[in-house]
Amino acid sequence: MVAVVPRPGRALDPGDLVRHCEDELPGFAVPRYVEVVSELPLTENGKIRKAVLRARGTTAGAWDRTTRPPP
């Protein structure tokens, strides 16, 4: 899973992101789930709290590439 914060005023299509990843990354690194979030949990030093994201797991709002319609 990847959690993505789009730039302000921009929309993000999870399918476009996954297609880009499929072109640029090895298959094992392409995320199955994409979740668009408004912000990421950060430490006091500004680093991403990955443990918080892992503990949260995949939510109902996550986009699943295995169920997307074919291009």
C-alpha atoms as a PDB file:
ATOM      1  CA  MET A   1       0.000   0.000   0.000  1.00  0.00           C
ATOM      2  CA  VAL A   2       1.043   3.552  -0.648  1.00  0.00           C
ATOM      3  CA  ALA A   3      -0.434   6.610   1.038  1.00  0.00           C
ATOM      4  CA  VAL A   4      -0.200   9.690  -1.175  1.00  0.00           C
ATOM      5  CA  VAL A   5      -0.789  13.352  -0.415  1.00  0.00           C
ATOM      6  CA  PRO A   6      -1.548  15.221  -3.656  1.00  0.00           C
ATOM      7  CA  ARG A   7      -0.266  18.744  -4.152  1.00  0.00           C
ATOM      8  CA  PRO A   8      -2.732  21.450  -3.128  1.00  0.00           C
ATOM      9  CA  GLY A   9      -5.356  22.027  -5.805  1.00  0.00           C
ATOM     10  CA  ARG A  10      -4.378  18.869  -7.719  1.00  0.00           C
ATOM     11  CA  ALA A  11      -6.317  15.638  -8.142  1.00  0.00           C
ATOM     12  CA  LEU A  12      -4.623  12.255  -8.168  1.00  0.00           C
ATOM     13  CA  ASP A  13      -5.898   9.271 -10.128  1.00  0.00           C
ATOM     14  CA  PRO A  14      -4.727   6.090  -8.356  1.00  0.00           C
ATOM     15  CA  GLY A  15      -4.862   4.159 -11.641  1.00  0.00           C
ATOM     16  CA  ASP A  16      -2.488   6.615 -13.311  1.00  0.00           C
ATOM     17  CA  LEU A  17      -0.095   6.350 -10.370  1.00  0.00           C
ATOM     18  CA  VAL A  18      -0.080   2.538 -10.503  1.00  0.00           C
ATOM     19  CA  ARG A  19       0.425   2.520 -14.288  1.00  0.00           C
ATOM     20  CA  HIS A  20       3.414   4.830 -13.826  1.00  0.00           C
ATOM     21  CA  CYS A  21       4.786   2.508 -11.132  1.00  0.00           C
ATOM     22  CA  GLU A  22       4.317  -0.519 -13.403  1.00  0.00           C
ATOM     23  CA  ASP A  23       6.471   1.202 -16.036  1.00  0.00           C
ATOM     24  CA  GLU A  24       9.189   2.302 -13.604  1.00  0.00           C
ATOM     25  CA  LEU A  25       9.382  -0.327 -10.845  1.00  0.00           C
ATOM     26  CA  PRO A  26       9.863  -4.085 -10.638  1.00  0.00           C
ATOM     27  CA  GLY A  27       6.591  -5.971 -10.185  1.00  0.00           C
ATOM     28  CA  PHE A  28       7.101  -6.690  -6.483  1.00  0.00           C
ATOM     29  CA  ALA A  29       7.424  -2.955  -5.750  1.00  0.00           C
ATOM     30  CA  VAL A  30       4.191  -1.852  -7.475  1.00  0.00           C
ATOM     31  CA  PRO A  31       1.645  -1.053  -4.754  1.00  0.00           C
ATOM     32  CA  ARG A  32      -1.564  -3.052  -4.711  1.00  0.00           C
ATOM     33  CA  TYR A  33      -3.436  -0.404  -2.726  1.00  0.00           C
ATOM     34  CA  VAL A  34      -3.358   3.383  -3.176  1.00  0.00           C
ATOM     35  CA  GLU A  35      -4.894   5.680  -0.603  1.00  0.00           C
ATOM     36  CA  VAL A  36      -5.120   9.412  -1.191  1.00  0.00           C
ATOM     37  CA  VAL A  37      -4.833  11.196   2.159  1.00  0.00           C
ATOM     38  CA  SER A  38      -4.860  14.834   3.194  1.00  0.00           C
ATOM     39  CA  GLU A  39      -1.757  14.483   5.377  1.00  0.00           C
ATOM     40  CA  LEU A  40       0.711  11.901   6.627  1.00  0.00           C
ATOM     41  CA  PRO A  41       1.416  11.261  10.310  1.00  0.00           C
ATOM     42  CA  LEU A  42       4.723  12.943  11.168  1.00  0.00           C
ATOM     43  CA  THR A  43       7.209  12.824  14.029  1.00  0.00           C
ATOM     44  CA  GLU A  44       8.375  15.924  15.847  1.00  0.00           C
ATOM     45  CA  ASN A  45      11.317  15.965  13.397  1.00  0.00           C
ATOM     46  CA  GLY A  46       9.067  15.886  10.336  1.00  0.00           C
ATOM     47  CA  LYS A  47       9.700  12.249   9.392  1.00  0.00           C
ATOM     48  CA  ILE A  48       6.798  10.017   8.346  1.00  0.00           C
ATOM     49  CA  ARG A  49       5.498   7.742  11.117  1.00  0.00           C
ATOM     50  CA  LYS A  50       5.454   4.549   9.064  1.00  0.00           C
ATOM     51  CA  ALA A  51       4.454   2.449  12.075  1.00  0.00           C
ATOM     52  CA  VAL A  52       1.215   4.453  12.358  1.00  0.00           C
ATOM     53  CA  LEU A  53       0.430   3.784   8.690  1.00  0.00           C
ATOM     54  CA  ARG A  54       1.227   0.077   9.082  1.00  0.00           C
ATOM     55  CA  ALA A  55      -0.932  -0.201  12.207  1.00  0.00           C
ATOM     56  CA  ARG A  56      -3.833   1.514  10.436  1.00  0.00           C
ATOM     57  CA  GLY A  57      -3.603  -0.998   7.605  1.00  0.00           C
ATOM     58  CA  THR A  58      -5.663  -0.884   4.450  1.00  0.00           C
ATOM     59  CA  THR A  59      -8.808   1.173   4.874  1.00  0.00           C
ATOM     60  CA  ALA A  60     -12.111   1.025   3.020  1.00  0.00           C
ATOM     61  CA  GLY A  61     -11.083   4.146   1.078  1.00  0.00           C
ATOM     62  CA  ALA A  62      -8.009   2.528  -0.446  1.00  0.00           C
ATOM     63  CA  TRP A  63      -8.035   1.868  -4.195  1.00  0.00           C
ATOM     64  CA  ASP A  64      -7.207  -1.780  -5.081  1.00  0.00           C
ATOM     65  CA  ARG A  65      -5.364  -2.349  -8.356  1.00  0.00           C
ATOM     66  CA  THR A  66      -6.560  -5.961  -8.586  1.00  0.00           C
ATOM     67  CA  THR A  67     -10.166  -4.817  -8.971  1.00  0.00           C
ATOM     68  CA  ARG A  68      -9.588  -1.892 -11.342  1.00  0.00           C
ATOM     69  CA  PRO A  69     -11.147  -2.109 -14.794  1.00  0.00           C
ATOM     70  CA  PRO A  70      -8.715  -2.997 -17.607  1.00  0.00           C
ATOM     71  CA  PRO A  71      -7.289  -0.016 -19.567  1.00  0.00           C
END
